[in-house]
Amino acid sequence: MSRNAAISRARSHLDCGDFETVLSQLVAIPSESQNPERKLQLAEYLDQLRCMLEQLGCDCQVLAAGGAQFLYAERIEDPSLLTVLGYGHGDVVRGMEGS
């Protein structure tokens, strides 16, 4: 896909409201990584991200360390191209429901 085609596709995704819909669904998940009672919600959040990234051609795996879960995704189009790093995580502090 050319650069212009990728930009056009991204603009379309924003303009039609799909990006806002997906983002709203992700933000609605109470993914408090410090709260052991939210372990299932964090797993759901990571699973939704994994599905989205796999649709973009990424190889994904959920890693666990110190009782926490992390999503690792990698996509190599061509080893000779520049590397782009993206980072995301579930909520890192407890939410303030009702505030």
Protein backbone atom coordinates (compact mmCIF):
# COMPACT_ATOMS: atom_id res chain seq x y z
CA MET A 1 0.00 0.00 0.00
CA SER A 2 1.34 3.42 -0.90
CA ARG A 3 1.79 6.21 1.66
CA ASN A 4 -1.07 8.21 0.13
CA ALA A 5 -3.38 5.20 0.16
CA ALA A 6 -2.55 4.54 3.82
CA ILE A 7 -3.25 8.17 4.75
CA SER A 8 -6.53 8.09 2.82
CA ARG A 9 -7.57 4.88 4.56
CA ALA A 10 -6.73 6.34 7.98
CA ARG A 11 -8.71 9.53 7.24
CA SER A 12 -11.69 7.45 6.13
CA HIS A 13 -11.52 5.43 9.36
CA LEU A 14 -11.61 8.67 11.37
CA ASP A 15 -14.23 10.47 9.28
CA CYS A 16 -16.81 7.66 9.31
CA GLY A 17 -16.71 7.35 13.10
CA ASP A 18 -15.26 3.83 13.24
CA PHE A 19 -12.16 4.94 15.15
CA GLU A 20 -14.26 6.70 17.80
CA THR A 21 -16.47 3.63 18.16
CA VAL A 22 -13.54 1.26 18.67
CA LEU A 23 -11.78 3.67 21.03
CA SER A 24 -14.99 4.11 23.07
CA GLN A 25 -15.31 0.34 23.45
CA LEU A 26 -11.71 0.02 24.65
CA VAL A 27 -11.89 2.96 27.06
CA ALA A 28 -15.09 1.54 28.57
CA ILE A 29 -13.25 -1.58 29.81
CA PRO A 30 -12.16 -1.04 33.45
CA SER A 31 -8.64 -2.40 32.85
CA GLU A 32 -7.07 -1.40 36.17
CA SER A 33 -3.79 -3.28 36.10
CA GLN A 34 -3.13 -2.66 39.83
CA ASN A 35 -6.48 -4.10 40.89
CA PRO A 36 -6.46 -7.92 41.11
CA GLU A 37 -10.27 -7.88 40.95
CA ARG A 38 -10.02 -6.48 37.39
CA LYS A 39 -7.83 -9.30 36.05
CA LEU A 40 -10.58 -10.57 33.72
CA GLN A 41 -11.29 -7.07 32.39
CA LEU A 42 -7.59 -6.49 31.70
CA ALA A 43 -7.45 -9.82 29.86
CA GLU A 44 -10.51 -8.77 27.79
CA TYR A 45 -8.84 -5.42 26.97
CA LEU A 46 -5.62 -7.12 25.87
CA ASP A 47 -7.58 -9.67 23.84
CA GLN A 48 -9.44 -6.92 21.96
CA LEU A 49 -6.15 -5.14 21.24
CA ARG A 50 -4.59 -8.43 20.13
CA CYS A 51 -7.44 -9.02 17.66
CA MET A 52 -7.09 -5.50 16.26
CA LEU A 53 -3.33 -5.81 15.84
CA GLU A 54 -3.58 -9.26 14.25
CA GLN A 55 -5.96 -7.76 11.66
CA LEU A 56 -3.12 -5.36 10.82
CA GLY A 57 -0.77 -8.31 10.27
CA CYS A 58 0.98 -8.36 13.64
CA ASP A 59 2.15 -11.48 15.43
CA CYS A 60 0.95 -11.12 19.03
CA GLN A 61 1.43 -12.80 22.35
CA VAL A 62 0.28 -12.07 25.87
CA LEU A 63 3.16 -12.19 28.34
CA ALA A 64 2.98 -12.41 32.13
CA ALA A 65 5.53 -11.13 34.61
CA GLY A 66 5.20 -10.42 38.31
CA GLY A 67 1.49 -11.17 38.24
CA ALA A 68 0.87 -8.64 35.44
CA GLN A 69 -0.12 -9.27 31.82
CA PHE A 70 1.39 -7.54 28.81
CA LEU A 71 0.62 -7.65 25.11
CA TYR A 72 3.57 -7.91 22.75
CA ALA A 73 2.95 -7.37 19.04
CA GLU A 74 5.41 -7.40 16.16
CA ARG A 75 5.09 -6.79 12.45
CA ILE A 76 8.11 -6.86 10.20
CA GLU A 77 7.35 -5.85 6.63
CA ASP A 78 10.97 -5.74 5.55
CA PRO A 79 14.02 -5.99 7.87
CA SER A 80 15.76 -3.27 5.82
CA LEU A 81 13.06 -0.70 6.69
CA LEU A 82 13.08 1.58 9.71
CA THR A 83 11.62 0.27 12.97
CA VAL A 84 8.53 1.92 14.44
CA LEU A 85 7.75 1.26 18.09
CA GLY A 86 4.27 1.66 19.54
CA TYR A 87 3.39 1.31 23.19
CA GLY A 88 0.08 0.81 24.95
CA HIS A 89 -1.13 -0.48 28.27
CA GLY A 90 -4.20 -1.00 30.41
CA ASP A 91 -4.99 1.55 33.08
CA VAL A 92 -2.02 1.77 35.44
CA VAL A 93 -3.91 3.29 38.36
CA ARG A 94 -7.24 2.44 39.91
CA GLY A 95 -10.19 4.21 38.41
CA MET A 96 -12.24 6.71 40.34
CA GLU A 97 -15.74 5.43 39.73
CA GLY A 98 -18.37 7.97 40.69
CA SER A 99 -15.91 10.88 40.81
